Amino acid sequence: MAARRQTGFTLIELMSAVIVLAILAAIATPSYVEYLERSRLKGAVEETLNLLAQARQGAVEADRNVNVRISATASEWCAGAVEQTSPAAADDPVAIDPAPCDCSNPATCVVGGEELVVSSGGRDITVPAGTTTVTFDSKSGTLTPLDTEAVDFLSSSGRYGLRVRVSALGQARACIIPGKRFVAGYNEC
């Protein structure tokens, strides 16, 4: 009589495979969590930089000053832009007729017929409480008054941080806040 050969895994082999997978998962999880943290931070900063660039471009294209407001409370932040209702007059280059953008009502945040709003929206990114406002001049896209503004964005753990700066010429850039961990694609401030 011939012996039957059994195929499959033994319980010991199966448990060994499960243990190896558990060890690999334990090693990979912290890296993945940090990756998600950096990605959320970069996403929020890139969207804010894009909003600032669109606001600047909209100011020059429509010949209307554009006001961008970045406001934050203890738990939420938002950035929004609104344009003047009529072209800027030569003697009044910084007037903004409408009230500043109200992020709770995105319809108030319009430039060139397009809503321009970025918010925290569950990203777990914090911005220090307060309000920063910049106005892009309709003639040159520069800031009015000519001053540099900056806003800090921090990851959920606070280990990563990026600073968004708007130069007097209206160009927005991001850099790593001194003392924070490296974020690929950005230089230290």
N, C-alpha and C. Protein backbone atom coordinates (compact mmCIF):
# COMPACT_ATOMS: atom_id res chain seq x y z
N MET A 1 0.82 -1.15 0.00
CA MET A 1 0.00 0.00 0.00
C MET A 1 0.89 1.25 0.00
N ALA A 2 0.57 2.18 -0.87
CA ALA A 2 1.38 3.39 -0.98
C ALA A 2 0.91 4.41 0.05
N ALA A 3 1.86 5.14 0.63
CA ALA A 3 1.56 6.16 1.63
C ALA A 3 1.03 7.41 0.93
N ARG A 4 0.03 8.02 1.52
CA ARG A 4 -0.52 9.26 0.96
C ARG A 4 0.29 10.44 1.43
N ARG A 5 0.59 11.29 0.51
CA ARG A 5 1.37 12.48 0.85
C ARG A 5 0.39 13.64 1.07
N GLN A 6 0.52 14.32 2.20
CA GLN A 6 -0.36 15.45 2.51
C GLN A 6 0.32 16.74 2.09
N THR A 7 -0.48 17.66 1.58
CA THR A 7 0.05 18.98 1.19
C THR A 7 -0.60 20.04 2.07
N GLY A 8 0.05 21.20 2.14
CA GLY A 8 -0.48 22.30 2.94
C GLY A 8 0.55 22.77 3.94
N PHE A 9 0.11 23.64 4.82
CA PHE A 9 1.00 24.21 5.83
C PHE A 9 0.69 23.59 7.18
N THR A 10 1.73 23.49 7.97
CA THR A 10 1.52 23.05 9.35
C THR A 10 1.18 24.27 10.17
N LEU A 11 0.67 24.06 11.34
CA LEU A 11 0.33 25.16 12.23
C LEU A 11 1.58 25.96 12.59
N ILE A 12 2.70 25.32 12.78
CA ILE A 12 3.95 26.02 13.12
C ILE A 12 4.39 26.91 11.97
N GLU A 13 4.30 26.41 10.74
CA GLU A 13 4.68 27.24 9.59
C GLU A 13 3.76 28.45 9.46
N LEU A 14 2.50 28.25 9.66
CA LEU A 14 1.54 29.35 9.56
C LEU A 14 1.79 30.40 10.65
N MET A 15 2.03 29.97 11.87
CA MET A 15 2.30 30.91 12.97
C MET A 15 3.62 31.65 12.72
N SER A 16 4.60 30.98 12.16
CA SER A 16 5.88 31.65 11.84
C SER A 16 5.67 32.75 10.82
N ALA A 17 4.87 32.50 9.81
CA ALA A 17 4.58 33.51 8.79
C ALA A 17 3.84 34.70 9.40
N VAL A 18 2.89 34.43 10.28
CA VAL A 18 2.14 35.51 10.93
C VAL A 18 3.06 36.36 11.80
N ILE A 19 3.97 35.73 12.50
CA ILE A 19 4.91 36.47 13.36
C ILE A 19 5.82 37.35 12.52
N VAL A 20 6.31 36.83 11.41
CA VAL A 20 7.18 37.62 10.53
C VAL A 20 6.40 38.83 9.99
N LEU A 21 5.17 38.63 9.56
CA LEU A 21 4.35 39.74 9.07
C LEU A 21 4.09 40.78 10.15
N ALA A 22 3.86 40.33 11.37
CA ALA A 22 3.62 41.26 12.48
C ALA A 22 4.87 42.09 12.76
N ILE A 23 6.03 41.47 12.71
CA ILE A 23 7.29 42.21 12.94
C ILE A 23 7.50 43.24 11.83
N LEU A 24 7.28 42.86 10.58
CA LEU A 24 7.43 43.80 9.47
C LEU A 24 6.45 44.96 9.58
N ALA A 25 5.23 44.68 9.98
CA ALA A 25 4.23 45.74 10.16
C ALA A 25 4.64 46.69 11.28
N ALA A 26 5.17 46.15 12.37
CA ALA A 26 5.61 46.98 13.49
C ALA A 26 6.78 47.88 13.10
N ILE A 27 7.62 47.39 12.22
CA ILE A 27 8.76 48.19 11.76
C ILE A 27 8.29 49.28 10.80
N ALA A 28 7.35 48.96 9.93
CA ALA A 28 6.92 49.90 8.89
C ALA A 28 5.94 50.96 9.38
N THR A 29 5.17 50.70 10.41
CA THR A 29 4.11 51.61 10.84
C THR A 29 4.61 53.01 11.20
N PRO A 30 5.66 53.16 12.02
CA PRO A 30 6.11 54.53 12.33
C PRO A 30 6.52 55.32 11.08
N SER A 31 7.19 54.67 10.16
CA SER A 31 7.59 55.37 8.93
C SER A 31 6.37 55.80 8.13
N TYR A 32 5.38 54.95 8.07
CA TYR A 32 4.16 55.27 7.33
C TYR A 32 3.41 56.42 7.98
N VAL A 33 3.35 56.43 9.30
CA VAL A 33 2.66 57.51 10.02
C VAL A 33 3.37 58.84 9.76
N GLU A 34 4.71 58.84 9.80
CA GLU A 34 5.45 60.07 9.52
C GLU A 34 5.26 60.50 8.07
N TYR A 35 5.21 59.54 7.15
CA TYR A 35 4.97 59.85 5.75
C TYR A 35 3.61 60.55 5.58
N LEU A 36 2.58 60.01 6.22
CA LEU A 36 1.25 60.63 6.14
C LEU A 36 1.26 62.04 6.74
N GLU A 37 1.96 62.20 7.84
CA GLU A 37 2.04 63.50 8.50
C GLU A 37 2.70 64.53 7.57
N ARG A 38 3.81 64.15 6.96
CA ARG A 38 4.50 65.06 6.02
C ARG A 38 3.63 65.33 4.79
N SER A 39 2.95 64.32 4.30
CA SER A 39 2.10 64.49 3.11
C SER A 39 0.95 65.45 3.38
N ARG A 40 0.32 65.33 4.52
CA ARG A 40 -0.78 66.25 4.87
C ARG A 40 -0.27 67.68 4.96
N LEU A 41 0.90 67.85 5.59
CA LEU A 41 1.49 69.18 5.73
C LEU A 41 1.82 69.76 4.36
N LYS A 42 2.49 68.98 3.53
CA LYS A 42 2.85 69.46 2.19
C LYS A 42 1.61 69.79 1.37
N GLY A 43 0.57 68.97 1.49
CA GLY A 43 -0.67 69.23 0.75
C GLY A 43 -1.30 70.55 1.14
N ALA A 44 -1.38 70.81 2.44
CA ALA A 44 -1.98 72.06 2.92
C ALA A 44 -1.16 73.26 2.47
N VAL A 45 0.16 73.15 2.57
CA VAL A 45 1.02 74.27 2.18
C VAL A 45 0.96 74.49 0.67
N GLU A 46 1.00 73.43 -0.12
CA GLU A 46 0.94 73.58 -1.58
C GLU A 46 -0.39 74.19 -2.02
N GLU A 47 -1.49 73.80 -1.40
CA GLU A 47 -2.78 74.39 -1.74
C GLU A 47 -2.81 75.87 -1.38
N THR A 48 -2.20 76.23 -0.26
CA THR A 48 -2.15 77.64 0.15
C THR A 48 -1.28 78.44 -0.81
N LEU A 49 -0.13 77.88 -1.21
CA LEU A 49 0.73 78.55 -2.19
C LEU A 49 -0.01 78.75 -3.51
N ASN A 50 -0.75 77.74 -3.92
CA ASN A 50 -1.53 77.83 -5.16
C ASN A 50 -2.60 78.91 -5.05
N LEU A 51 -3.28 78.98 -3.90
CA LEU A 51 -4.29 80.02 -3.69
C LEU A 51 -3.65 81.40 -3.79
N LEU A 52 -2.49 81.59 -3.17
CA LEU A 52 -1.81 82.88 -3.22
C LEU A 52 -1.40 83.24 -4.65
N ALA A 53 -0.91 82.26 -5.40
CA ALA A 53 -0.51 82.52 -6.79
C ALA A 53 -1.73 82.88 -7.64
N GLN A 54 -2.85 82.17 -7.44
CA GLN A 54 -4.06 82.47 -8.20
C GLN A 54 -4.61 83.85 -7.83
N ALA A 55 -4.52 84.21 -6.56
CA ALA A 55 -5.00 85.52 -6.13
C ALA A 55 -4.15 86.63 -6.76
N ARG A 56 -2.85 86.45 -6.78
CA ARG A 56 -1.96 87.44 -7.38
C ARG A 56 -2.25 87.58 -8.87
N GLN A 57 -2.37 86.45 -9.55
CA GLN A 57 -2.65 86.46 -10.98
C GLN A 57 -4.02 87.10 -11.24
N GLY A 58 -5.00 86.77 -10.42
CA GLY A 58 -6.33 87.35 -10.58
C GLY A 58 -6.35 88.85 -10.41
N ALA A 59 -5.51 89.35 -9.51
CA ALA A 59 -5.45 90.79 -9.28
C ALA A 59 -4.98 91.52 -10.53
N VAL A 60 -3.95 91.00 -11.17
CA VAL A 60 -3.40 91.65 -12.36
C VAL A 60 -4.32 91.48 -13.55
N GLU A 61 -4.86 90.26 -13.74
CA GLU A 61 -5.72 90.00 -14.90
C GLU A 61 -7.00 90.83 -14.88
N ALA A 62 -7.61 90.95 -13.70
CA ALA A 62 -8.90 91.66 -13.61
C ALA A 62 -8.73 93.14 -13.29
N ASP A 63 -7.48 93.57 -13.08
CA ASP A 63 -7.21 94.96 -12.68
C ASP A 63 -7.99 95.33 -11.43
N ARG A 64 -8.01 94.39 -10.49
CA ARG A 64 -8.69 94.60 -9.22
C ARG A 64 -7.79 94.10 -8.10
N ASN A 65 -7.67 94.89 -7.05
CA ASN A 65 -6.90 94.44 -5.90
C ASN A 65 -7.56 93.19 -5.31
N VAL A 66 -6.73 92.28 -4.82
CA VAL A 66 -7.25 91.05 -4.22
C VAL A 66 -6.72 90.94 -2.80
N ASN A 67 -7.63 90.68 -1.89
CA ASN A 67 -7.30 90.56 -0.47
C ASN A 67 -7.34 89.08 -0.11
N VAL A 68 -6.25 88.58 0.48
CA VAL A 68 -6.18 87.19 0.95
C VAL A 68 -6.08 87.22 2.46
N ARG A 69 -6.94 86.45 3.09
CA ARG A 69 -6.93 86.38 4.56
C ARG A 69 -6.72 84.94 4.99
N ILE A 70 -5.72 84.74 5.85
CA ILE A 70 -5.47 83.43 6.46
C ILE A 70 -5.79 83.59 7.93
N SER A 71 -6.83 82.89 8.37
CA SER A 71 -7.24 83.03 9.76
C SER A 71 -7.27 81.66 10.42
N ALA A 72 -6.98 81.66 11.71
CA ALA A 72 -6.93 80.40 12.45
C ALA A 72 -7.49 80.59 13.85
N THR A 73 -8.18 79.54 14.30
CA THR A 73 -8.63 79.46 15.69
C THR A 73 -7.83 78.33 16.32
N ALA A 74 -8.20 77.93 17.51
CA ALA A 74 -7.48 76.86 18.18
C ALA A 74 -7.59 75.53 17.45
N SER A 75 -8.68 75.31 16.71
CA SER A 75 -8.89 74.01 16.09
C SER A 75 -8.94 74.01 14.56
N GLU A 76 -9.17 75.13 13.93
CA GLU A 76 -9.32 75.19 12.48
C GLU A 76 -8.59 76.38 11.90
N TRP A 77 -8.28 76.29 10.62
CA TRP A 77 -7.70 77.41 9.89
C TRP A 77 -8.28 77.43 8.48
N CYS A 78 -8.20 78.58 7.84
CA CYS A 78 -8.62 78.67 6.45
C CYS A 78 -7.94 79.86 5.80
N ALA A 79 -7.84 79.79 4.48
CA ALA A 79 -7.30 80.88 3.67
C ALA A 79 -8.30 81.12 2.55
N GLY A 80 -8.59 82.38 2.31
CA GLY A 80 -9.53 82.71 1.25
C GLY A 80 -9.21 84.05 0.64
N ALA A 81 -9.60 84.23 -0.61
CA ALA A 81 -9.31 85.47 -1.33
C ALA A 81 -10.59 86.09 -1.85
N VAL A 82 -10.59 87.41 -1.91
CA VAL A 82 -11.74 88.14 -2.44
C VAL A 82 -11.20 89.34 -3.22
N GLU A 83 -11.86 89.65 -4.35
CA GLU A 83 -11.39 90.77 -5.17
C GLU A 83 -12.28 91.98 -5.00
N GLN A 84 -11.72 93.14 -5.36
CA GLN A 84 -12.49 94.37 -5.37
C GLN A 84 -13.66 94.24 -6.32
N THR A 85 -14.73 94.96 -6.03
CA THR A 85 -15.89 94.88 -6.91
C THR A 85 -15.71 95.70 -8.19
N SER A 86 -14.84 96.71 -8.14
CA SER A 86 -14.59 97.51 -9.36
C SER A 86 -13.09 97.71 -9.50
N PRO A 87 -12.62 98.03 -10.70
CA PRO A 87 -11.17 98.21 -10.89
C PRO A 87 -10.62 99.27 -9.95
N ALA A 88 -9.34 99.09 -9.61
CA ALA A 88 -8.68 100.02 -8.69
C ALA A 88 -8.52 101.39 -9.34
N ALA A 89 -8.76 102.43 -8.57
CA ALA A 89 -8.54 103.79 -9.03
C ALA A 89 -7.08 104.16 -8.78
N ALA A 90 -6.54 105.03 -9.60
CA ALA A 90 -5.14 105.41 -9.48
C ALA A 90 -4.84 106.06 -8.13
N ASP A 91 -5.79 106.81 -7.59
CA ASP A 91 -5.56 107.49 -6.33
C ASP A 91 -5.90 106.63 -5.11
N ASP A 92 -6.46 105.45 -5.31
CA ASP A 92 -6.84 104.58 -4.19
C ASP A 92 -6.45 103.13 -4.52
N PRO A 93 -5.16 102.84 -4.57
CA PRO A 93 -4.72 101.52 -5.04
C PRO A 93 -4.92 100.37 -4.06
N VAL A 94 -5.29 100.62 -2.81
CA VAL A 94 -5.41 99.51 -1.86
C VAL A 94 -6.82 99.27 -1.37
N ALA A 95 -7.80 99.97 -1.91
CA ALA A 95 -9.17 99.82 -1.42
C ALA A 95 -9.72 98.44 -1.77
N ILE A 96 -10.35 97.82 -0.81
CA ILE A 96 -11.08 96.57 -1.03
C ILE A 96 -12.51 96.84 -0.58
N ASP A 97 -13.44 96.84 -1.53
CA ASP A 97 -14.83 97.15 -1.21
C ASP A 97 -15.50 96.07 -0.37
N PRO A 98 -15.46 94.80 -0.80
CA PRO A 98 -16.20 93.80 -0.04
C PRO A 98 -15.50 93.47 1.27
N ALA A 99 -16.25 92.88 2.16
CA ALA A 99 -15.68 92.42 3.42
C ALA A 99 -14.68 91.30 3.12
N PRO A 100 -13.73 91.07 4.01
CA PRO A 100 -12.79 89.97 3.79
C PRO A 100 -13.52 88.65 3.66
N CYS A 101 -12.86 87.72 3.01
CA CYS A 101 -13.42 86.39 2.77
C CYS A 101 -13.83 85.74 4.09
N ASP A 102 -15.02 85.14 4.10
CA ASP A 102 -15.51 84.39 5.25
C ASP A 102 -15.53 82.92 4.85
N CYS A 103 -14.60 82.13 5.39
CA CYS A 103 -14.46 80.74 4.97
C CYS A 103 -15.67 79.87 5.28
N SER A 104 -16.49 80.29 6.24
CA SER A 104 -17.68 79.50 6.53
C SER A 104 -18.71 79.64 5.41
N ASN A 105 -18.53 80.67 4.57
CA ASN A 105 -19.39 80.88 3.41
C ASN A 105 -18.48 81.07 2.19
N PRO A 106 -18.02 79.97 1.55
CA PRO A 106 -17.08 80.07 0.44
C PRO A 106 -17.54 80.96 -0.71
N ALA A 107 -18.83 81.21 -0.82
CA ALA A 107 -19.33 82.08 -1.88
C ALA A 107 -18.83 83.51 -1.72
N THR A 108 -18.33 83.88 -0.53
CA THR A 108 -17.78 85.22 -0.32
C THR A 108 -16.31 85.30 -0.73
N CYS A 109 -15.72 84.19 -1.10
CA CYS A 109 -14.30 84.13 -1.43
C CYS A 109 -14.14 83.88 -2.92
N VAL A 110 -14.30 84.94 -3.71
CA VAL A 110 -14.32 84.77 -5.16
C VAL A 110 -13.32 85.73 -5.81
N VAL A 111 -12.52 85.16 -6.74
CA VAL A 111 -11.59 85.94 -7.55
C VAL A 111 -11.76 85.47 -8.98
N GLY A 112 -12.06 86.38 -9.89
CA GLY A 112 -12.24 86.02 -11.28
C GLY A 112 -13.36 85.03 -11.51
N GLY A 113 -14.40 85.10 -10.70
CA GLY A 113 -15.53 84.20 -10.83
C GLY A 113 -15.29 82.81 -10.26
N GLU A 114 -14.17 82.58 -9.62
CA GLU A 114 -13.82 81.27 -9.08
C GLU A 114 -13.64 81.36 -7.56
N GLU A 115 -14.22 80.40 -6.84
CA GLU A 115 -14.04 80.38 -5.39
C GLU A 115 -12.59 80.03 -5.07
N LEU A 116 -11.97 80.83 -4.22
CA LEU A 116 -10.59 80.60 -3.80
C LEU A 116 -10.56 80.43 -2.28
N VAL A 117 -10.67 79.18 -1.83
CA VAL A 117 -10.67 78.87 -0.41
C VAL A 117 -9.87 77.60 -0.17
N VAL A 118 -9.07 77.61 0.89
CA VAL A 118 -8.37 76.41 1.37
C VAL A 118 -8.63 76.35 2.86
N SER A 119 -8.98 75.16 3.36
CA SER A 119 -9.23 75.06 4.80
C SER A 119 -8.56 73.81 5.37
N SER A 120 -8.55 73.76 6.70
CA SER A 120 -7.92 72.64 7.39
C SER A 120 -8.58 71.33 7.00
N GLY A 121 -9.87 71.31 6.84
CA GLY A 121 -10.60 70.17 6.31
C GLY A 121 -10.15 68.79 6.74
N GLY A 122 -9.94 68.54 8.02
CA GLY A 122 -9.61 67.22 8.53
C GLY A 122 -8.18 66.78 8.28
N ARG A 123 -7.30 67.70 7.92
CA ARG A 123 -5.90 67.33 7.65
C ARG A 123 -5.04 67.20 8.88
N ASP A 124 -5.53 67.69 10.01
CA ASP A 124 -4.76 67.64 11.25
C ASP A 124 -3.49 68.49 11.16
N ILE A 125 -3.61 69.64 10.52
CA ILE A 125 -2.52 70.62 10.38
C ILE A 125 -2.95 71.85 11.16
N THR A 126 -2.03 72.43 11.92
CA THR A 126 -2.38 73.61 12.70
C THR A 126 -1.64 74.84 12.19
N VAL A 127 -2.27 75.97 12.38
CA VAL A 127 -1.71 77.28 12.08
C VAL A 127 -1.90 78.09 13.36
N PRO A 128 -0.87 78.82 13.81
CA PRO A 128 -1.04 79.61 15.03
C PRO A 128 -2.26 80.52 14.94
N ALA A 129 -3.00 80.60 16.05
CA ALA A 129 -4.23 81.40 16.08
C ALA A 129 -3.95 82.85 15.73
N GLY A 130 -4.85 83.41 14.97
CA GLY A 130 -4.71 84.80 14.56
C GLY A 130 -5.11 84.96 13.11
N THR A 131 -4.88 86.17 12.59
CA THR A 131 -5.24 86.47 11.21
C THR A 131 -4.09 87.17 10.52
N THR A 132 -3.79 86.71 9.32
CA THR A 132 -2.79 87.36 8.46
C THR A 132 -3.51 87.77 7.19
N THR A 133 -3.35 89.01 6.80
CA THR A 133 -4.01 89.51 5.59
C THR A 133 -2.97 90.12 4.66
N VAL A 134 -3.06 89.76 3.39
CA VAL A 134 -2.22 90.37 2.37
C VAL A 134 -3.11 90.88 1.26
N THR A 135 -2.71 91.98 0.65
CA THR A 135 -3.44 92.54 -0.47
C THR A 135 -2.51 92.63 -1.66
N PHE A 136 -2.92 91.99 -2.76
CA PHE A 136 -2.16 92.05 -4.00
C PHE A 136 -2.64 93.24 -4.82
N ASP A 137 -1.70 94.08 -5.24
CA ASP A 137 -2.00 95.27 -6.01
C ASP A 137 -2.44 94.89 -7.42
N SER A 138 -3.44 95.59 -7.94
CA SER A 138 -4.00 95.27 -9.25
C SER A 138 -3.08 95.61 -10.41
N LYS A 139 -2.15 96.49 -10.20
CA LYS A 139 -1.28 96.93 -11.31
C LYS A 139 -0.05 96.03 -11.47
N SER A 140 0.54 95.60 -10.35
CA SER A 140 1.82 94.88 -10.45
C SER A 140 1.83 93.53 -9.74
N GLY A 141 0.80 93.22 -8.98
CA GLY A 141 0.78 91.97 -8.24
C GLY A 141 1.64 91.99 -7.00
N THR A 142 2.14 93.16 -6.63
CA THR A 142 2.95 93.28 -5.42
C THR A 142 2.05 93.41 -4.20
N LEU A 143 2.63 93.24 -3.03
CA LEU A 143 1.86 93.43 -1.80
C LEU A 143 1.69 94.90 -1.52
N THR A 144 0.54 95.24 -0.99
CA THR A 144 0.27 96.61 -0.60
C THR A 144 -0.18 96.59 0.85
N PRO A 145 0.50 97.18 1.78
CA PRO A 145 1.77 97.89 1.62
C PRO A 145 2.91 96.91 1.36
N LEU A 146 4.02 97.43 0.85
CA LEU A 146 5.17 96.60 0.52
C LEU A 146 5.80 96.07 1.80
N ASP A 147 5.40 94.90 2.20
CA ASP A 147 5.89 94.27 3.42
C ASP A 147 5.85 92.76 3.23
N THR A 148 6.69 92.04 3.92
CA THR A 148 6.71 90.59 3.81
C THR A 148 5.83 89.99 4.90
N GLU A 149 5.03 89.00 4.53
CA GLU A 149 4.15 88.31 5.48
C GLU A 149 4.53 86.84 5.54
N ALA A 150 4.30 86.21 6.69
CA ALA A 150 4.61 84.78 6.84
C ALA A 150 3.58 84.12 7.76
N VAL A 151 3.29 82.85 7.44
CA VAL A 151 2.37 82.04 8.24
C VAL A 151 3.00 80.67 8.41
N ASP A 152 2.98 80.13 9.63
CA ASP A 152 3.56 78.82 9.92
C ASP A 152 2.48 77.74 9.90
N PHE A 153 2.81 76.60 9.29
CA PHE A 153 1.95 75.43 9.25
C PHE A 153 2.67 74.31 9.98
N LEU A 154 2.01 73.68 10.96
CA LEU A 154 2.64 72.62 11.76
C LEU A 154 1.88 71.31 11.60
N SER A 155 2.64 70.20 11.58
CA SER A 155 2.02 68.88 11.49
C SER A 155 1.37 68.53 12.83
N SER A 156 0.61 67.45 12.84
CA SER A 156 -0.13 67.06 14.04
C SER A 156 0.77 66.83 15.25
N SER A 157 1.95 66.27 15.04
CA SER A 157 2.86 66.02 16.16
C SER A 157 3.72 67.23 16.49
N GLY A 158 3.78 68.19 15.58
CA GLY A 158 4.63 69.36 15.77
C GLY A 158 6.07 69.12 15.37
N ARG A 159 6.40 67.92 14.91
CA ARG A 159 7.78 67.62 14.50
C ARG A 159 8.13 68.27 13.17
N TYR A 160 7.13 68.46 12.31
CA TYR A 160 7.36 69.03 10.99
C TYR A 160 6.65 70.38 10.91
N GLY A 161 7.30 71.33 10.28
CA GLY A 161 6.69 72.64 10.13
C GLY A 161 7.19 73.34 8.89
N LEU A 162 6.29 73.98 8.17
CA LEU A 162 6.64 74.76 7.00
C LEU A 162 6.11 76.18 7.17
N ARG A 163 6.89 77.13 6.72
CA ARG A 163 6.51 78.55 6.79
C ARG A 163 6.22 79.03 5.37
N VAL A 164 5.06 79.61 5.18
CA VAL A 164 4.70 80.21 3.90
C VAL A 164 4.99 81.70 4.01
N ARG A 165 5.84 82.18 3.11
CA ARG A 165 6.21 83.59 3.09
C ARG A 165 5.74 84.22 1.79
N VAL A 166 5.22 85.42 1.90
CA VAL A 166 4.84 86.19 0.72
C VAL A 166 5.74 87.41 0.72
N SER A 167 6.57 87.52 -0.31
CA SER A 167 7.51 88.64 -0.40
C SER A 167 6.77 89.91 -0.78
N ALA A 168 7.45 91.03 -0.65
CA ALA A 168 6.87 92.32 -1.01
C ALA A 168 6.50 92.35 -2.50
N LEU A 169 7.19 91.55 -3.31
CA LEU A 169 6.88 91.48 -4.73
C LEU A 169 5.71 90.58 -5.04
N GLY A 170 5.12 89.95 -4.00
CA GLY A 170 3.93 89.13 -4.16
C GLY A 170 4.21 87.66 -4.43
N GLN A 171 5.46 87.26 -4.38
CA GLN A 171 5.80 85.85 -4.64
C GLN A 171 5.71 85.05 -3.35
N ALA A 172 5.01 83.94 -3.41
CA ALA A 172 4.82 83.09 -2.23
C ALA A 172 5.76 81.89 -2.33
N ARG A 173 6.42 81.59 -1.23
CA ARG A 173 7.35 80.47 -1.15
C ARG A 173 7.15 79.79 0.20
N ALA A 174 7.60 78.54 0.29
CA ALA A 174 7.54 77.81 1.56
C ALA A 174 8.94 77.33 1.92
N CYS A 175 9.21 77.27 3.21
CA CYS A 175 10.50 76.78 3.70
C CYS A 175 10.27 76.09 5.04
N ILE A 176 11.27 75.30 5.46
CA ILE A 176 11.18 74.56 6.72
C ILE A 176 11.45 75.52 7.88
N ILE A 177 10.59 75.49 8.86
CA ILE A 177 10.77 76.32 10.05
C ILE A 177 12.03 75.85 10.78
N PRO A 178 12.93 76.76 11.16
CA PRO A 178 14.14 76.34 11.88
C PRO A 178 13.80 75.51 13.11
N GLY A 179 14.53 74.42 13.29
CA GLY A 179 14.31 73.53 14.44
C GLY A 179 13.33 72.40 14.17
N LYS A 180 12.68 72.42 13.02
CA LYS A 180 11.74 71.35 12.65
C LYS A 180 12.45 70.35 11.76
N ARG A 181 11.87 69.15 11.66
CA ARG A 181 12.47 68.08 10.86
C ARG A 181 12.38 68.37 9.36
N PHE A 182 13.26 67.72 8.62
CA PHE A 182 13.37 67.88 7.17
C PHE A 182 12.09 67.43 6.47
N VAL A 183 11.66 68.22 5.51
CA VAL A 183 10.54 67.87 4.64
C VAL A 183 11.08 67.98 3.21
N ALA A 184 11.02 66.87 2.48
CA ALA A 184 11.59 66.83 1.13
C ALA A 184 10.98 67.90 0.24
N GLY A 185 11.85 68.56 -0.53
CA GLY A 185 11.40 69.57 -1.46
C GLY A 185 11.47 70.99 -0.94
N TYR A 186 11.86 71.16 0.32
CA TYR A 186 11.92 72.49 0.90
C TYR A 186 13.27 72.72 1.57
N ASN A 187 13.73 73.98 1.53
CA ASN A 187 14.95 74.36 2.22
C ASN A 187 14.57 74.98 3.56
N GLU A 188 15.56 75.06 4.45
CA GLU A 188 15.30 75.70 5.74
C GLU A 188 15.21 77.21 5.55
N CYS A 189 14.35 77.85 6.33
CA CYS A 189 14.17 79.31 6.26
C CYS A 189 15.43 80.03 6.71
